[in-house]
Structures are given as structure tokens and as C-alpha cells.
Amino acid sequence: GVGMGMTAPVSITAFPDEDGSLQQKVKVSLRIPSQFQDNPPHPSDESIKIEKRQGMTIYSTQFGGYAKETDYVNYAAKLKSALGSEAPYCRDFYFCNGYDPPMKPYGRRNEVWFVKE
């Protein structure tokens, strides 16, 4: 019953297959605005969960445009290649992040994050 508006980034947890493509399971996360962080409203839909994301160190790459799944997969592959085989990061999942509303046609920002272990 509380309107919070859209927040950024919209973060999708992607689970890659061996070939780099994404599994069908994903988790979409939205940031709760600062004024609601200490006491967030309770979701009326039981499929919506409130999770506290711990601080993390990430490896990141940024790109523009209207991001599609193939863009995130391609940029994740580029980031993986840039990091090489020795970098300590979680390989079970990564985050696909979009920062802009759909009606923003130019100057869009998207990122892929790998979580450092």
C-alpha cells in the first residue's frame, strides 16, 4: 500500500550455463529507497521477498543502449576474458544491472557485475 517509485539499478541475478548462456531462472532485485530501508513495507504478494544484500566488492563493466539478454551475456564474456582465470570471483552467478527508465532513449547505462570472492 506504499508507493515507492522506481529505483536504480534494477538488478537481475543471472545464472550462467557452461556455454555462457543464461539458465531460465533469474532473480530481479529492486533497491528499497533510503527512507524505507530501516522499516520497509511488507509485500502483499508472498512471492516478493525483502533481502538485505551485504556489502561486496565487484568487478564491473559498463555499456550503453537498450540492453538485451545477449548484450549481458556478451559483456559478461568480455569481463570474464579481461579478468583471466586467476581472478577470484564467484562463477555461479553474476548481476545484470540497468539504471535507466524505458523512455530514456540516449545515454543509457548498463553494467555486468562479478562478485569478488
N, C-alpha and C. Protein backbone atom coordinates (compact mmCIF):
# COMPACT_ATOMS: atom_id res chain seq x y z
N GLY A 1 0.79 -1.20 0.00
CA GLY A 1 0.00 0.00 0.00
C GLY A 1 0.83 1.27 0.00
N VAL A 2 2.15 1.15 -0.10
CA VAL A 2 3.02 2.33 -0.11
C VAL A 2 3.67 2.44 -1.48
N GLY A 3 3.51 3.59 -2.12
CA GLY A 3 4.18 3.82 -3.41
C GLY A 3 5.60 4.28 -3.17
N MET A 4 6.56 3.58 -3.77
CA MET A 4 7.96 3.93 -3.59
C MET A 4 8.61 4.44 -4.87
N GLY A 5 7.91 4.34 -6.00
CA GLY A 5 8.52 4.76 -7.25
C GLY A 5 9.59 3.78 -7.71
N MET A 6 10.13 4.03 -8.87
CA MET A 6 11.15 3.16 -9.44
C MET A 6 12.51 3.53 -8.88
N THR A 7 13.33 2.55 -8.61
CA THR A 7 14.68 2.79 -8.11
C THR A 7 15.69 2.24 -9.09
N ALA A 8 16.93 2.65 -8.94
CA ALA A 8 18.00 2.18 -9.81
C ALA A 8 19.18 1.76 -8.94
N PRO A 9 19.91 0.75 -9.35
CA PRO A 9 19.64 -0.03 -10.56
C PRO A 9 18.59 -1.10 -10.33
N VAL A 10 18.02 -1.56 -11.44
CA VAL A 10 17.27 -2.81 -11.44
C VAL A 10 18.33 -3.88 -11.65
N SER A 11 18.41 -4.80 -10.74
CA SER A 11 19.48 -5.78 -10.74
C SER A 11 18.90 -7.18 -10.94
N ILE A 12 19.39 -7.85 -11.96
CA ILE A 12 18.95 -9.22 -12.26
C ILE A 12 20.11 -10.16 -11.96
N THR A 13 19.87 -11.13 -11.09
CA THR A 13 20.88 -12.15 -10.82
C THR A 13 20.76 -13.20 -11.91
N ALA A 14 21.82 -13.36 -12.68
CA ALA A 14 21.84 -14.31 -13.79
C ALA A 14 22.68 -15.52 -13.40
N PHE A 15 22.21 -16.69 -13.80
CA PHE A 15 22.90 -17.94 -13.52
C PHE A 15 23.35 -18.54 -14.85
N PRO A 16 24.66 -18.46 -15.17
CA PRO A 16 25.13 -18.92 -16.47
C PRO A 16 25.24 -20.44 -16.56
N ASP A 17 24.96 -20.95 -17.77
CA ASP A 17 25.21 -22.36 -18.09
C ASP A 17 26.68 -22.49 -18.48
N GLU A 18 27.12 -23.71 -18.69
CA GLU A 18 28.51 -23.96 -19.09
C GLU A 18 28.91 -23.21 -20.35
N ASP A 19 27.98 -23.07 -21.30
CA ASP A 19 28.29 -22.41 -22.57
C ASP A 19 28.17 -20.89 -22.49
N GLY A 20 27.88 -20.34 -21.31
CA GLY A 20 27.77 -18.90 -21.13
C GLY A 20 26.36 -18.37 -21.27
N SER A 21 25.45 -19.16 -21.86
CA SER A 21 24.06 -18.73 -21.96
C SER A 21 23.45 -18.72 -20.55
N LEU A 22 22.30 -18.08 -20.43
CA LEU A 22 21.69 -17.96 -19.11
C LEU A 22 20.63 -19.03 -18.89
N GLN A 23 20.61 -19.58 -17.67
CA GLN A 23 19.55 -20.50 -17.30
C GLN A 23 18.24 -19.72 -17.23
N GLN A 24 17.14 -20.41 -17.26
CA GLN A 24 15.85 -19.75 -17.24
C GLN A 24 15.51 -19.15 -15.88
N LYS A 25 16.20 -19.56 -14.82
CA LYS A 25 15.91 -18.95 -13.52
C LYS A 25 16.70 -17.66 -13.36
N VAL A 26 16.01 -16.62 -12.94
CA VAL A 26 16.64 -15.34 -12.65
C VAL A 26 15.98 -14.77 -11.40
N LYS A 27 16.65 -13.84 -10.78
CA LYS A 27 16.08 -13.13 -9.64
C LYS A 27 16.21 -11.64 -9.92
N VAL A 28 15.10 -10.94 -9.87
CA VAL A 28 15.08 -9.49 -10.11
C VAL A 28 15.06 -8.80 -8.76
N SER A 29 15.96 -7.83 -8.58
CA SER A 29 16.05 -7.10 -7.32
C SER A 29 15.90 -5.61 -7.57
N LEU A 30 15.13 -4.97 -6.72
CA LEU A 30 14.94 -3.52 -6.77
C LEU A 30 15.42 -2.95 -5.45
N ARG A 31 16.11 -1.84 -5.51
CA ARG A 31 16.59 -1.19 -4.30
C ARG A 31 15.44 -0.50 -3.59
N ILE A 32 15.34 -0.72 -2.29
CA ILE A 32 14.34 -0.03 -1.48
C ILE A 32 14.89 1.36 -1.18
N PRO A 33 14.12 2.42 -1.47
CA PRO A 33 14.61 3.78 -1.23
C PRO A 33 15.07 3.99 0.22
N SER A 34 16.01 4.90 0.40
CA SER A 34 16.64 5.13 1.70
C SER A 34 15.65 5.35 2.83
N GLN A 35 14.58 6.12 2.58
CA GLN A 35 13.65 6.44 3.67
C GLN A 35 12.87 5.21 4.15
N PHE A 36 12.89 4.11 3.39
CA PHE A 36 12.18 2.88 3.78
C PHE A 36 13.12 1.78 4.24
N GLN A 37 14.44 2.00 4.20
CA GLN A 37 15.39 0.93 4.47
C GLN A 37 15.29 0.37 5.90
N ASP A 38 15.12 1.23 6.90
CA ASP A 38 15.07 0.74 8.28
C ASP A 38 13.79 -0.02 8.59
N ASN A 39 12.71 0.33 7.93
CA ASN A 39 11.42 -0.30 8.19
C ASN A 39 10.65 -0.44 6.87
N PRO A 40 11.06 -1.37 6.01
CA PRO A 40 10.39 -1.49 4.71
C PRO A 40 8.96 -1.98 4.84
N PRO A 41 8.07 -1.50 3.96
CA PRO A 41 6.69 -2.01 3.98
C PRO A 41 6.68 -3.50 3.65
N HIS A 42 5.72 -4.21 4.18
CA HIS A 42 5.62 -5.65 3.94
C HIS A 42 4.90 -5.90 2.62
N PRO A 43 5.51 -6.72 1.74
CA PRO A 43 4.85 -7.02 0.45
C PRO A 43 3.53 -7.77 0.66
N SER A 44 2.54 -7.44 -0.14
CA SER A 44 1.26 -8.16 -0.06
C SER A 44 1.28 -9.43 -0.90
N ASP A 45 2.27 -9.57 -1.77
CA ASP A 45 2.44 -10.75 -2.61
C ASP A 45 3.53 -11.61 -1.98
N GLU A 46 3.20 -12.84 -1.60
CA GLU A 46 4.17 -13.68 -0.89
C GLU A 46 5.35 -14.13 -1.76
N SER A 47 5.27 -13.95 -3.08
CA SER A 47 6.41 -14.30 -3.93
C SER A 47 7.49 -13.21 -3.89
N ILE A 48 7.17 -12.05 -3.31
CA ILE A 48 8.13 -10.95 -3.18
C ILE A 48 8.77 -11.04 -1.80
N LYS A 49 10.08 -11.07 -1.79
CA LYS A 49 10.83 -11.18 -0.54
C LYS A 49 11.70 -9.94 -0.37
N ILE A 50 11.89 -9.54 0.86
CA ILE A 50 12.83 -8.47 1.17
C ILE A 50 14.11 -9.12 1.66
N GLU A 51 15.20 -8.80 0.99
CA GLU A 51 16.51 -9.35 1.34
C GLU A 51 17.47 -8.21 1.60
N LYS A 52 18.33 -8.41 2.55
CA LYS A 52 19.39 -7.45 2.80
C LYS A 52 20.62 -7.94 2.06
N ARG A 53 21.11 -7.14 1.13
CA ARG A 53 22.30 -7.50 0.38
C ARG A 53 23.52 -6.96 1.13
N GLN A 54 24.40 -7.85 1.46
CA GLN A 54 25.62 -7.47 2.18
C GLN A 54 26.54 -6.67 1.26
N GLY A 55 27.42 -5.90 1.87
CA GLY A 55 28.42 -5.18 1.08
C GLY A 55 29.26 -6.17 0.29
N MET A 56 29.72 -5.74 -0.86
CA MET A 56 30.51 -6.62 -1.71
C MET A 56 31.50 -5.80 -2.53
N THR A 57 32.53 -6.45 -2.95
CA THR A 57 33.47 -5.87 -3.90
C THR A 57 33.20 -6.55 -5.23
N ILE A 58 33.12 -5.75 -6.29
CA ILE A 58 32.75 -6.30 -7.59
C ILE A 58 33.78 -5.95 -8.66
N TYR A 59 33.80 -6.77 -9.68
CA TYR A 59 34.45 -6.45 -10.95
C TYR A 59 33.30 -6.05 -11.87
N SER A 60 33.45 -4.96 -12.60
CA SER A 60 32.33 -4.43 -13.36
C SER A 60 32.75 -3.99 -14.75
N THR A 61 31.80 -4.07 -15.67
CA THR A 61 31.95 -3.46 -16.99
C THR A 61 30.65 -2.74 -17.31
N GLN A 62 30.76 -1.67 -18.06
CA GLN A 62 29.61 -0.81 -18.36
C GLN A 62 29.41 -0.72 -19.87
N PHE A 63 28.15 -0.61 -20.29
CA PHE A 63 27.84 -0.43 -21.71
C PHE A 63 26.53 0.32 -21.84
N GLY A 64 26.26 0.85 -23.02
CA GLY A 64 25.08 1.66 -23.25
C GLY A 64 24.02 0.94 -24.06
N GLY A 65 22.97 1.68 -24.40
CA GLY A 65 21.90 1.16 -25.23
C GLY A 65 20.81 0.46 -24.44
N TYR A 66 19.82 -0.04 -25.17
CA TYR A 66 18.75 -0.85 -24.59
C TYR A 66 19.28 -2.27 -24.46
N ALA A 67 19.62 -2.69 -23.26
CA ALA A 67 20.27 -3.98 -23.05
C ALA A 67 19.30 -5.14 -23.20
N LYS A 68 19.76 -6.15 -23.93
CA LYS A 68 19.02 -7.41 -24.08
C LYS A 68 19.85 -8.50 -23.41
N GLU A 69 19.25 -9.68 -23.27
CA GLU A 69 19.97 -10.79 -22.65
C GLU A 69 21.30 -11.05 -23.36
N THR A 70 21.29 -11.03 -24.68
CA THR A 70 22.53 -11.29 -25.43
C THR A 70 23.61 -10.26 -25.12
N ASP A 71 23.21 -9.01 -24.87
CA ASP A 71 24.20 -7.99 -24.51
C ASP A 71 24.85 -8.32 -23.17
N TYR A 72 24.02 -8.68 -22.19
CA TYR A 72 24.58 -9.03 -20.89
C TYR A 72 25.49 -10.25 -20.99
N VAL A 73 25.09 -11.25 -21.75
CA VAL A 73 25.92 -12.45 -21.92
C VAL A 73 27.24 -12.09 -22.59
N ASN A 74 27.19 -11.26 -23.64
CA ASN A 74 28.41 -10.87 -24.35
C ASN A 74 29.35 -10.04 -23.47
N TYR A 75 28.80 -9.09 -22.71
CA TYR A 75 29.65 -8.28 -21.85
C TYR A 75 30.18 -9.08 -20.67
N ALA A 76 29.42 -10.05 -20.18
CA ALA A 76 29.91 -10.94 -19.13
C ALA A 76 31.10 -11.76 -19.67
N ALA A 77 31.00 -12.21 -20.91
CA ALA A 77 32.10 -12.97 -21.52
C ALA A 77 33.34 -12.09 -21.68
N LYS A 78 33.15 -10.83 -22.07
CA LYS A 78 34.28 -9.90 -22.20
C LYS A 78 34.93 -9.63 -20.84
N LEU A 79 34.11 -9.46 -19.81
CA LEU A 79 34.64 -9.22 -18.47
C LEU A 79 35.40 -10.46 -17.99
N LYS A 80 34.83 -11.62 -18.22
CA LYS A 80 35.49 -12.88 -17.84
C LYS A 80 36.84 -13.00 -18.53
N SER A 81 36.89 -12.68 -19.81
CA SER A 81 38.14 -12.74 -20.56
C SER A 81 39.16 -11.73 -20.03
N ALA A 82 38.70 -10.52 -19.71
CA ALA A 82 39.61 -9.49 -19.20
C ALA A 82 40.19 -9.89 -17.84
N LEU A 83 39.40 -10.58 -17.02
CA LEU A 83 39.86 -10.97 -15.70
C LEU A 83 40.80 -12.18 -15.74
N GLY A 84 40.67 -13.02 -16.76
CA GLY A 84 41.50 -14.20 -16.85
C GLY A 84 41.07 -15.27 -15.87
N SER A 85 41.83 -16.34 -15.81
CA SER A 85 41.43 -17.50 -15.00
C SER A 85 41.86 -17.38 -13.54
N GLU A 86 42.71 -16.43 -13.21
CA GLU A 86 43.25 -16.34 -11.85
C GLU A 86 42.44 -15.41 -10.93
N ALA A 87 41.61 -14.56 -11.48
CA ALA A 87 40.87 -13.60 -10.65
C ALA A 87 39.88 -14.34 -9.74
N PRO A 88 39.83 -13.97 -8.47
CA PRO A 88 38.94 -14.64 -7.53
C PRO A 88 37.53 -14.04 -7.53
N TYR A 89 36.64 -14.60 -8.33
CA TYR A 89 35.26 -14.13 -8.33
C TYR A 89 34.30 -15.32 -8.41
N CYS A 90 33.07 -15.10 -7.96
CA CYS A 90 32.04 -16.14 -7.96
C CYS A 90 31.64 -16.42 -9.41
N ARG A 91 31.68 -17.67 -9.80
CA ARG A 91 31.35 -18.05 -11.17
C ARG A 91 29.95 -18.67 -11.29
N ASP A 92 29.24 -18.79 -10.17
CA ASP A 92 27.91 -19.40 -10.17
C ASP A 92 26.82 -18.44 -10.63
N PHE A 93 27.05 -17.14 -10.49
CA PHE A 93 26.06 -16.13 -10.87
C PHE A 93 26.77 -14.81 -11.13
N TYR A 94 26.07 -13.89 -11.75
CA TYR A 94 26.53 -12.51 -11.85
C TYR A 94 25.32 -11.61 -11.92
N PHE A 95 25.54 -10.32 -11.77
CA PHE A 95 24.46 -9.34 -11.77
C PHE A 95 24.42 -8.57 -13.08
N CYS A 96 23.22 -8.42 -13.63
CA CYS A 96 22.96 -7.60 -14.81
C CYS A 96 22.17 -6.39 -14.30
N ASN A 97 22.70 -5.20 -14.50
CA ASN A 97 22.12 -4.00 -13.90
C ASN A 97 21.75 -2.98 -14.95
N GLY A 98 20.55 -2.44 -14.83
CA GLY A 98 20.09 -1.35 -15.70
C GLY A 98 19.72 -0.16 -14.84
N TYR A 99 20.11 1.03 -15.27
CA TYR A 99 19.94 2.23 -14.46
C TYR A 99 18.88 3.19 -14.98
N ASP A 100 18.34 2.96 -16.16
CA ASP A 100 17.50 3.98 -16.80
C ASP A 100 16.07 3.52 -17.03
N PRO A 101 15.13 4.47 -17.01
CA PRO A 101 13.74 4.12 -17.34
C PRO A 101 13.62 3.80 -18.82
N PRO A 102 12.62 3.02 -19.20
CA PRO A 102 12.47 2.60 -20.60
C PRO A 102 12.33 3.77 -21.58
N MET A 103 11.80 4.89 -21.14
CA MET A 103 11.58 6.00 -22.06
C MET A 103 12.81 6.89 -22.26
N LYS A 104 13.94 6.54 -21.69
CA LYS A 104 15.17 7.30 -21.90
C LYS A 104 15.90 6.70 -23.11
N PRO A 105 15.90 7.41 -24.26
CA PRO A 105 16.46 6.81 -25.47
C PRO A 105 17.98 6.91 -25.60
N TYR A 106 18.61 7.90 -24.98
CA TYR A 106 20.04 8.13 -25.17
C TYR A 106 20.76 8.16 -23.84
N GLY A 107 22.05 7.85 -23.88
CA GLY A 107 22.87 7.92 -22.68
C GLY A 107 22.52 6.88 -21.64
N ARG A 108 22.07 5.72 -22.10
CA ARG A 108 21.66 4.66 -21.18
C ARG A 108 22.89 3.99 -20.55
N ARG A 109 22.72 3.51 -19.33
CA ARG A 109 23.81 2.86 -18.59
C ARG A 109 23.38 1.48 -18.14
N ASN A 110 24.20 0.50 -18.47
CA ASN A 110 24.00 -0.89 -18.06
C ASN A 110 25.35 -1.40 -17.54
N GLU A 111 25.31 -2.34 -16.63
CA GLU A 111 26.54 -2.91 -16.09
C GLU A 111 26.39 -4.40 -15.86
N VAL A 112 27.51 -5.10 -15.95
CA VAL A 112 27.61 -6.50 -15.51
C VAL A 112 28.57 -6.50 -14.33
N TRP A 113 28.14 -7.15 -13.24
CA TRP A 113 28.98 -7.26 -12.04
C TRP A 113 29.31 -8.71 -11.75
N PHE A 114 30.59 -8.98 -11.51
CA PHE A 114 31.04 -10.25 -10.94
C PHE A 114 31.43 -9.95 -9.50
N VAL A 115 31.02 -10.78 -8.56
CA VAL A 115 31.31 -10.56 -7.14
C VAL A 115 32.67 -11.18 -6.81
N LYS A 116 33.56 -10.35 -6.29
CA LYS A 116 34.88 -10.82 -5.90
C LYS A 116 34.76 -11.73 -4.68
N GLU A 117 35.50 -12.83 -4.71
CA GLU A 117 35.50 -13.77 -3.56
C GLU A 117 36.54 -13.36 -2.56
